[in-house]
Amino acid sequence: MSRALPKHDERRVDPVGAAAVALPGAVIAGSALAGEPSGDGGEADARPLAGPGTVSCPAVAPEPPAVPASARAGADRNLGDLDRQTAEANKRLADTVGQGGPDFVQNAVLGPLEDERTTAINRIAAAIGRTAERPAGLDPPAACTLTG
């Protein structure tokens, strides 16, 4: 008879003993994750999460350029996209309050918004440029900022 593996009867875990050890740890972890006070008197130092703020974006151009009739539909659609993009960024801010590290808002909200706005503005300029002279001053604007 071969004995490939020795018997380990002496290593059996007592299920009642394991539950007695694990249960208090689960209660402590559960209350910490649920945001329950720990009872150590530290509640006075706790701060509620700040509001998400709002995204503030600069105007596309100081004065809107003249848009030929043939480019009007595309320009209007892309101007609407700019408003939609800002609204979506504000929703992302509200949905992700307290997430990420110190650069989270810049990397997850403001940076992508700036890229989307640059693309939309370039599409407006290209639509105008197909039928008329490409407008001056319709360069990608300054980055959006977080206010409030």
N, C-alpha and C. Protein backbone atom coordinates (compact mmCIF):
# COMPACT_ATOMS: atom_id res chain seq x y z
N MET A 1 0.83 -1.14 0.00
CA MET A 1 0.00 0.00 0.00
C MET A 1 0.90 1.23 0.00
N SER A 2 0.61 2.13 -0.96
CA SER A 2 1.45 3.32 -1.06
C SER A 2 0.78 4.47 -0.34
N ARG A 3 1.59 5.30 0.22
CA ARG A 3 1.08 6.47 0.95
C ARG A 3 1.58 7.72 0.25
N ALA A 4 0.89 8.13 -0.82
CA ALA A 4 1.30 9.30 -1.58
C ALA A 4 1.15 10.57 -0.75
N LEU A 5 0.07 10.67 -0.03
CA LEU A 5 -0.15 11.85 0.80
C LEU A 5 -0.43 11.40 2.23
N PRO A 6 0.21 12.02 3.19
CA PRO A 6 -0.08 11.65 4.57
C PRO A 6 -1.45 12.18 4.99
N LYS A 7 -2.01 11.54 5.95
CA LYS A 7 -3.29 11.98 6.47
C LYS A 7 -3.08 13.21 7.34
N HIS A 8 -4.01 14.13 7.25
CA HIS A 8 -3.91 15.35 8.04
C HIS A 8 -5.14 15.54 8.91
N ASP A 9 -5.49 14.49 9.60
CA ASP A 9 -6.67 14.57 10.45
C ASP A 9 -6.50 15.59 11.57
N GLU A 10 -5.26 15.81 12.00
CA GLU A 10 -5.06 16.72 13.11
C GLU A 10 -5.23 18.18 12.69
N ARG A 11 -5.39 18.49 11.37
CA ARG A 11 -5.54 19.85 10.89
C ARG A 11 -7.01 20.22 10.63
N ARG A 12 -7.90 19.46 11.06
CA ARG A 12 -9.31 19.79 10.83
C ARG A 12 -9.66 21.07 11.56
N VAL A 13 -10.48 21.87 10.90
CA VAL A 13 -10.91 23.14 11.47
C VAL A 13 -12.24 22.94 12.17
N ASP A 14 -12.29 23.44 13.37
CA ASP A 14 -13.54 23.39 14.13
C ASP A 14 -14.46 24.48 13.59
N PRO A 15 -15.57 24.12 12.91
CA PRO A 15 -16.42 25.14 12.31
C PRO A 15 -17.01 26.11 13.33
N VAL A 16 -17.32 25.65 14.52
CA VAL A 16 -17.88 26.54 15.53
C VAL A 16 -16.82 27.54 15.99
N GLY A 17 -15.60 27.08 16.17
CA GLY A 17 -14.51 27.96 16.59
C GLY A 17 -14.17 28.97 15.50
N ALA A 18 -14.18 28.55 14.24
CA ALA A 18 -13.88 29.46 13.13
C ALA A 18 -14.96 30.54 13.02
N ALA A 19 -16.21 30.16 13.22
CA ALA A 19 -17.29 31.14 13.15
C ALA A 19 -17.19 32.13 14.30
N ALA A 20 -16.77 31.68 15.45
CA ALA A 20 -16.64 32.56 16.60
C ALA A 20 -15.55 33.60 16.37
N VAL A 21 -14.51 33.22 15.64
CA VAL A 21 -13.43 34.16 15.34
C VAL A 21 -13.82 35.08 14.20
N ALA A 22 -14.48 34.57 13.18
CA ALA A 22 -14.80 35.35 11.99
C ALA A 22 -15.98 36.30 12.21
N LEU A 23 -16.93 35.95 13.03
CA LEU A 23 -18.13 36.76 13.19
C LEU A 23 -17.85 38.17 13.73
N PRO A 24 -17.07 38.32 14.79
CA PRO A 24 -16.81 39.70 15.25
C PRO A 24 -16.08 40.53 14.19
N GLY A 25 -15.18 39.92 13.45
CA GLY A 25 -14.49 40.64 12.39
C GLY A 25 -15.44 41.07 11.29
N ALA A 26 -16.41 40.24 10.96
CA ALA A 26 -17.38 40.58 9.93
C ALA A 26 -18.29 41.71 10.40
N VAL A 27 -18.65 41.71 11.66
CA VAL A 27 -19.50 42.78 12.19
C VAL A 27 -18.77 44.10 12.16
N ILE A 28 -17.51 44.09 12.56
CA ILE A 28 -16.71 45.32 12.56
C ILE A 28 -16.53 45.82 11.14
N ALA A 29 -16.17 44.94 10.22
CA ALA A 29 -15.97 45.35 8.83
C ALA A 29 -17.28 45.81 8.21
N GLY A 30 -18.35 45.14 8.52
CA GLY A 30 -19.65 45.52 7.95
C GLY A 30 -20.09 46.88 8.41
N SER A 31 -19.88 47.20 9.67
CA SER A 31 -20.30 48.52 10.14
C SER A 31 -19.39 49.60 9.60
N ALA A 32 -18.13 49.30 9.41
CA ALA A 32 -17.22 50.30 8.83
C ALA A 32 -17.57 50.57 7.38
N LEU A 33 -17.88 49.53 6.65
CA LEU A 33 -18.23 49.70 5.25
C LEU A 33 -19.59 50.37 5.09
N ALA A 34 -20.47 50.17 6.01
CA ALA A 34 -21.80 50.77 5.92
C ALA A 34 -21.80 52.22 6.38
N GLY A 35 -20.66 52.69 6.87
CA GLY A 35 -20.57 54.07 7.30
C GLY A 35 -21.12 54.30 8.69
N GLU A 36 -21.29 53.23 9.46
CA GLU A 36 -21.78 53.35 10.82
C GLU A 36 -20.68 53.92 11.70
N PRO A 37 -21.04 54.72 12.68
CA PRO A 37 -20.04 55.21 13.61
C PRO A 37 -19.42 54.07 14.39
N SER A 38 -18.14 54.20 14.68
CA SER A 38 -17.45 53.13 15.38
C SER A 38 -17.60 53.23 16.88
N GLY A 39 -18.12 54.35 17.37
CA GLY A 39 -18.34 54.48 18.80
C GLY A 39 -17.10 54.96 19.53
N ASP A 40 -16.05 55.38 18.80
CA ASP A 40 -14.82 55.81 19.46
C ASP A 40 -14.80 57.31 19.71
N GLY A 41 -15.92 57.99 19.46
CA GLY A 41 -15.98 59.43 19.71
C GLY A 41 -15.43 60.24 18.56
N GLY A 42 -15.04 59.62 17.45
CA GLY A 42 -14.46 60.33 16.32
C GLY A 42 -15.50 60.95 15.41
N GLU A 43 -16.78 60.84 15.76
CA GLU A 43 -17.82 61.38 14.90
C GLU A 43 -17.73 62.90 14.77
N ALA A 44 -17.23 63.57 15.80
CA ALA A 44 -17.14 65.01 15.76
C ALA A 44 -16.15 65.47 14.69
N ASP A 45 -15.14 64.63 14.38
CA ASP A 45 -14.14 64.99 13.39
C ASP A 45 -14.56 64.62 11.98
N ALA A 46 -15.63 63.83 11.84
CA ALA A 46 -16.04 63.37 10.52
C ALA A 46 -16.59 64.52 9.72
N ARG A 47 -16.26 64.54 8.42
CA ARG A 47 -16.77 65.57 7.51
C ARG A 47 -17.62 64.90 6.45
N PRO A 48 -18.76 65.47 6.11
CA PRO A 48 -19.54 64.92 5.00
C PRO A 48 -18.79 65.19 3.70
N LEU A 49 -19.05 64.36 2.72
CA LEU A 49 -18.42 64.56 1.42
C LEU A 49 -18.88 65.88 0.83
N ALA A 50 -17.95 66.58 0.22
CA ALA A 50 -18.30 67.85 -0.41
C ALA A 50 -19.18 67.59 -1.61
N GLY A 51 -19.96 68.59 -1.98
CA GLY A 51 -20.78 68.48 -3.17
C GLY A 51 -19.89 68.35 -4.40
N PRO A 52 -20.43 67.84 -5.47
CA PRO A 52 -19.60 67.58 -6.64
C PRO A 52 -19.14 68.83 -7.36
N GLY A 53 -19.81 69.96 -7.15
CA GLY A 53 -19.48 71.16 -7.92
C GLY A 53 -20.09 71.05 -9.31
N THR A 54 -19.76 71.99 -10.16
CA THR A 54 -20.24 71.95 -11.54
C THR A 54 -19.10 72.29 -12.48
N VAL A 55 -19.25 71.85 -13.70
CA VAL A 55 -18.26 72.12 -14.72
C VAL A 55 -18.58 73.46 -15.36
N SER A 56 -17.57 74.29 -15.50
CA SER A 56 -17.72 75.58 -16.14
C SER A 56 -16.77 75.62 -17.33
N CYS A 57 -17.34 75.82 -18.52
CA CYS A 57 -16.54 75.82 -19.74
C CYS A 57 -16.57 77.20 -20.39
N PRO A 58 -15.44 77.62 -20.95
CA PRO A 58 -15.41 78.93 -21.61
C PRO A 58 -16.23 78.90 -22.90
N ALA A 59 -16.59 80.09 -23.36
CA ALA A 59 -17.33 80.20 -24.63
C ALA A 59 -16.45 79.70 -25.77
N VAL A 60 -17.10 79.21 -26.80
CA VAL A 60 -16.37 78.68 -27.95
C VAL A 60 -15.55 79.78 -28.63
N ALA A 61 -16.13 80.93 -28.80
CA ALA A 61 -15.45 82.07 -29.41
C ALA A 61 -16.01 83.34 -28.80
N PRO A 62 -15.20 84.40 -28.72
CA PRO A 62 -15.74 85.64 -28.16
C PRO A 62 -16.98 86.11 -28.91
N GLU A 63 -16.94 86.02 -30.21
CA GLU A 63 -18.10 86.33 -31.04
C GLU A 63 -18.30 85.16 -31.98
N PRO A 64 -19.52 84.65 -32.08
CA PRO A 64 -19.74 83.53 -32.99
C PRO A 64 -19.42 83.92 -34.43
N PRO A 65 -18.73 83.05 -35.14
CA PRO A 65 -18.39 83.37 -36.53
C PRO A 65 -19.63 83.28 -37.41
N ALA A 66 -19.53 83.91 -38.55
CA ALA A 66 -20.62 83.80 -39.53
C ALA A 66 -20.61 82.38 -40.07
N VAL A 67 -21.76 81.76 -40.04
CA VAL A 67 -21.87 80.38 -40.50
C VAL A 67 -22.70 80.35 -41.78
N PRO A 68 -22.10 79.86 -42.88
CA PRO A 68 -22.87 79.77 -44.12
C PRO A 68 -24.07 78.84 -43.95
N ALA A 69 -25.11 79.09 -44.69
CA ALA A 69 -26.33 78.28 -44.60
C ALA A 69 -26.05 76.80 -44.82
N SER A 70 -25.11 76.49 -45.72
CA SER A 70 -24.81 75.08 -46.01
C SER A 70 -24.14 74.37 -44.83
N ALA A 71 -23.54 75.12 -43.92
CA ALA A 71 -22.86 74.53 -42.76
C ALA A 71 -23.66 74.69 -41.47
N ARG A 72 -24.79 75.38 -41.55
CA ARG A 72 -25.56 75.70 -40.36
C ARG A 72 -26.01 74.46 -39.59
N ALA A 73 -26.53 73.44 -40.27
CA ALA A 73 -27.03 72.24 -39.58
C ALA A 73 -25.91 71.54 -38.81
N GLY A 74 -24.75 71.38 -39.46
CA GLY A 74 -23.62 70.72 -38.78
C GLY A 74 -23.10 71.54 -37.61
N ALA A 75 -23.03 72.85 -37.79
CA ALA A 75 -22.55 73.71 -36.71
C ALA A 75 -23.52 73.68 -35.53
N ASP A 76 -24.82 73.76 -35.81
CA ASP A 76 -25.80 73.72 -34.73
C ASP A 76 -25.77 72.39 -33.98
N ARG A 77 -25.63 71.31 -34.73
CA ARG A 77 -25.56 69.98 -34.11
C ARG A 77 -24.35 69.89 -33.17
N ASN A 78 -23.20 70.39 -33.63
CA ASN A 78 -21.99 70.32 -32.80
C ASN A 78 -22.05 71.30 -31.63
N LEU A 79 -22.70 72.44 -31.80
CA LEU A 79 -22.88 73.34 -30.66
C LEU A 79 -23.78 72.68 -29.62
N GLY A 80 -24.79 71.96 -30.07
CA GLY A 80 -25.63 71.20 -29.15
C GLY A 80 -24.84 70.11 -28.44
N ASP A 81 -23.89 69.50 -29.17
CA ASP A 81 -23.03 68.49 -28.55
C ASP A 81 -22.22 69.09 -27.41
N LEU A 82 -21.78 70.34 -27.57
CA LEU A 82 -21.00 70.98 -26.51
C LEU A 82 -21.83 71.08 -25.23
N ASP A 83 -23.09 71.47 -25.37
CA ASP A 83 -23.97 71.55 -24.20
C ASP A 83 -24.22 70.18 -23.59
N ARG A 84 -24.45 69.19 -24.45
CA ARG A 84 -24.69 67.82 -23.98
C ARG A 84 -23.46 67.29 -23.25
N GLN A 85 -22.26 67.56 -23.77
CA GLN A 85 -21.03 67.08 -23.15
C GLN A 85 -20.84 67.68 -21.76
N THR A 86 -21.15 68.95 -21.62
CA THR A 86 -21.03 69.60 -20.31
C THR A 86 -22.04 69.01 -19.33
N ALA A 87 -23.26 68.77 -19.79
CA ALA A 87 -24.28 68.16 -18.93
C ALA A 87 -23.86 66.75 -18.49
N GLU A 88 -23.29 65.98 -19.41
CA GLU A 88 -22.82 64.64 -19.07
C GLU A 88 -21.67 64.69 -18.07
N ALA A 89 -20.78 65.67 -18.22
CA ALA A 89 -19.67 65.82 -17.27
C ALA A 89 -20.21 66.15 -15.88
N ASN A 90 -21.22 67.01 -15.80
CA ASN A 90 -21.83 67.33 -14.51
C ASN A 90 -22.48 66.10 -13.88
N LYS A 91 -23.10 65.26 -14.70
CA LYS A 91 -23.70 64.02 -14.19
C LYS A 91 -22.61 63.07 -13.68
N ARG A 92 -21.50 62.94 -14.43
CA ARG A 92 -20.39 62.10 -13.97
C ARG A 92 -19.85 62.60 -12.64
N LEU A 93 -19.75 63.92 -12.48
CA LEU A 93 -19.28 64.48 -11.21
C LEU A 93 -20.19 64.05 -10.07
N ALA A 94 -21.49 64.19 -10.27
CA ALA A 94 -22.45 63.85 -9.23
C ALA A 94 -22.43 62.35 -8.93
N ASP A 95 -22.24 61.52 -9.95
CA ASP A 95 -22.28 60.07 -9.77
C ASP A 95 -21.01 59.53 -9.13
N THR A 96 -19.92 60.29 -9.16
CA THR A 96 -18.64 59.76 -8.69
C THR A 96 -18.08 60.53 -7.50
N VAL A 97 -18.92 61.22 -6.76
CA VAL A 97 -18.45 61.98 -5.59
C VAL A 97 -17.72 61.03 -4.64
N GLY A 98 -16.53 61.42 -4.24
CA GLY A 98 -15.75 60.64 -3.28
C GLY A 98 -14.94 59.53 -3.88
N GLN A 99 -14.99 59.32 -5.17
CA GLN A 99 -14.22 58.25 -5.80
C GLN A 99 -12.87 58.75 -6.24
N GLY A 100 -11.94 57.84 -6.37
CA GLY A 100 -10.64 58.14 -6.93
C GLY A 100 -9.76 58.97 -6.02
N GLY A 101 -8.59 59.26 -6.54
CA GLY A 101 -7.60 60.02 -5.79
C GLY A 101 -7.66 61.49 -6.11
N PRO A 102 -6.55 62.18 -5.85
CA PRO A 102 -6.54 63.63 -6.01
C PRO A 102 -6.71 64.10 -7.46
N ASP A 103 -6.35 63.29 -8.43
CA ASP A 103 -6.46 63.69 -9.83
C ASP A 103 -7.66 63.08 -10.53
N PHE A 104 -8.56 62.47 -9.77
CA PHE A 104 -9.68 61.75 -10.38
C PHE A 104 -10.55 62.65 -11.25
N VAL A 105 -10.94 63.82 -10.73
CA VAL A 105 -11.83 64.71 -11.48
C VAL A 105 -11.16 65.15 -12.78
N GLN A 106 -9.88 65.48 -12.70
CA GLN A 106 -9.18 65.91 -13.91
C GLN A 106 -9.09 64.76 -14.93
N ASN A 107 -8.72 63.58 -14.47
CA ASN A 107 -8.49 62.46 -15.38
C ASN A 107 -9.78 61.82 -15.89
N ALA A 108 -10.81 61.79 -15.06
CA ALA A 108 -12.04 61.08 -15.44
C ALA A 108 -13.14 61.98 -15.97
N VAL A 109 -13.07 63.29 -15.69
CA VAL A 109 -14.16 64.17 -16.10
C VAL A 109 -13.65 65.32 -16.97
N LEU A 110 -12.79 66.17 -16.41
CA LEU A 110 -12.38 67.38 -17.12
C LEU A 110 -11.49 67.09 -18.33
N GLY A 111 -10.56 66.16 -18.22
CA GLY A 111 -9.69 65.83 -19.35
C GLY A 111 -10.46 65.29 -20.55
N PRO A 112 -11.29 64.25 -20.35
CA PRO A 112 -12.09 63.75 -21.46
C PRO A 112 -13.04 64.81 -22.04
N LEU A 113 -13.60 65.65 -21.18
CA LEU A 113 -14.49 66.71 -21.66
C LEU A 113 -13.73 67.67 -22.57
N GLU A 114 -12.53 68.04 -22.19
CA GLU A 114 -11.73 68.94 -23.03
C GLU A 114 -11.47 68.31 -24.40
N ASP A 115 -11.16 67.02 -24.42
CA ASP A 115 -10.94 66.32 -25.70
C ASP A 115 -12.21 66.33 -26.55
N GLU A 116 -13.36 66.05 -25.93
CA GLU A 116 -14.63 66.02 -26.67
C GLU A 116 -14.96 67.41 -27.22
N ARG A 117 -14.73 68.44 -26.42
CA ARG A 117 -15.02 69.80 -26.87
C ARG A 117 -14.10 70.20 -28.02
N THR A 118 -12.84 69.84 -27.94
CA THR A 118 -11.90 70.16 -29.01
C THR A 118 -12.35 69.50 -30.31
N THR A 119 -12.78 68.25 -30.24
CA THR A 119 -13.25 67.54 -31.42
C THR A 119 -14.49 68.22 -32.01
N ALA A 120 -15.44 68.58 -31.17
CA ALA A 120 -16.67 69.23 -31.65
C ALA A 120 -16.36 70.58 -32.30
N ILE A 121 -15.47 71.34 -31.70
CA ILE A 121 -15.12 72.65 -32.25
C ILE A 121 -14.38 72.50 -33.58
N ASN A 122 -13.53 71.51 -33.67
CA ASN A 122 -12.84 71.25 -34.95
C ASN A 122 -13.84 70.84 -36.03
N ARG A 123 -14.88 70.09 -35.65
CA ARG A 123 -15.91 69.71 -36.64
C ARG A 123 -16.69 70.94 -37.11
N ILE A 124 -16.97 71.86 -36.19
CA ILE A 124 -17.66 73.10 -36.59
C ILE A 124 -16.80 73.88 -37.58
N ALA A 125 -15.52 74.04 -37.25
CA ALA A 125 -14.62 74.79 -38.13
C ALA A 125 -14.48 74.10 -39.48
N ALA A 126 -14.42 72.78 -39.49
CA ALA A 126 -14.31 72.04 -40.75
C ALA A 126 -15.58 72.19 -41.58
N ALA A 127 -16.75 72.16 -40.95
CA ALA A 127 -18.02 72.33 -41.68
C ALA A 127 -18.08 73.70 -42.32
N ILE A 128 -17.67 74.72 -41.59
CA ILE A 128 -17.65 76.07 -42.16
C ILE A 128 -16.60 76.17 -43.25
N GLY A 129 -15.44 75.58 -43.01
CA GLY A 129 -14.34 75.65 -43.96
C GLY A 129 -14.60 74.95 -45.28
N ARG A 130 -15.58 74.05 -45.33
CA ARG A 130 -15.90 73.37 -46.60
C ARG A 130 -16.56 74.32 -47.59
N THR A 131 -17.27 75.31 -47.09
CA THR A 131 -18.01 76.19 -48.00
C THR A 131 -17.58 77.65 -47.91
N ALA A 132 -16.79 77.99 -46.92
CA ALA A 132 -16.33 79.37 -46.75
C ALA A 132 -14.95 79.33 -46.11
N GLU A 133 -14.41 80.49 -45.87
CA GLU A 133 -13.10 80.56 -45.22
C GLU A 133 -13.23 80.08 -43.78
N ARG A 134 -12.28 79.26 -43.38
CA ARG A 134 -12.29 78.75 -42.00
C ARG A 134 -12.23 79.95 -41.05
N PRO A 135 -13.13 79.98 -40.06
CA PRO A 135 -13.21 81.15 -39.18
C PRO A 135 -11.99 81.28 -38.26
N ALA A 136 -11.56 82.51 -38.06
CA ALA A 136 -10.47 82.78 -37.13
C ALA A 136 -11.05 82.83 -35.72
N GLY A 137 -10.26 82.47 -34.74
CA GLY A 137 -10.70 82.53 -33.35
C GLY A 137 -11.55 81.36 -32.92
N LEU A 138 -11.68 80.35 -33.75
CA LEU A 138 -12.46 79.18 -33.39
C LEU A 138 -11.51 78.04 -33.03
N ASP A 139 -10.44 78.39 -32.36
CA ASP A 139 -9.48 77.40 -31.92
C ASP A 139 -10.02 76.71 -30.67
N PRO A 140 -9.46 75.56 -30.35
CA PRO A 140 -9.92 74.89 -29.14
C PRO A 140 -9.79 75.82 -27.93
N PRO A 141 -10.85 75.92 -27.14
CA PRO A 141 -10.86 76.87 -26.02
C PRO A 141 -10.02 76.38 -24.86
N ALA A 142 -9.91 77.22 -23.88
CA ALA A 142 -9.23 76.85 -22.65
C ALA A 142 -9.99 75.70 -21.98
N ALA A 143 -9.31 75.01 -21.14
CA ALA A 143 -9.90 73.84 -20.47
C ALA A 143 -11.06 74.26 -19.58
N CYS A 144 -12.00 73.35 -19.41
CA CYS A 144 -13.11 73.57 -18.49
C CYS A 144 -12.58 73.45 -17.07
N THR A 145 -13.27 74.07 -16.14
CA THR A 145 -12.84 74.04 -14.75
C THR A 145 -14.00 73.58 -13.87
N LEU A 146 -13.66 73.25 -12.66
CA LEU A 146 -14.66 72.83 -11.66
C LEU A 146 -14.94 74.01 -10.76
N THR A 147 -16.21 74.34 -10.61
CA THR A 147 -16.59 75.46 -9.73
C THR A 147 -17.49 74.95 -8.62
N GLY A 148 -17.53 75.69 -7.55
CA GLY A 148 -18.44 75.39 -6.46
C GLY A 148 -18.01 74.29 -5.64
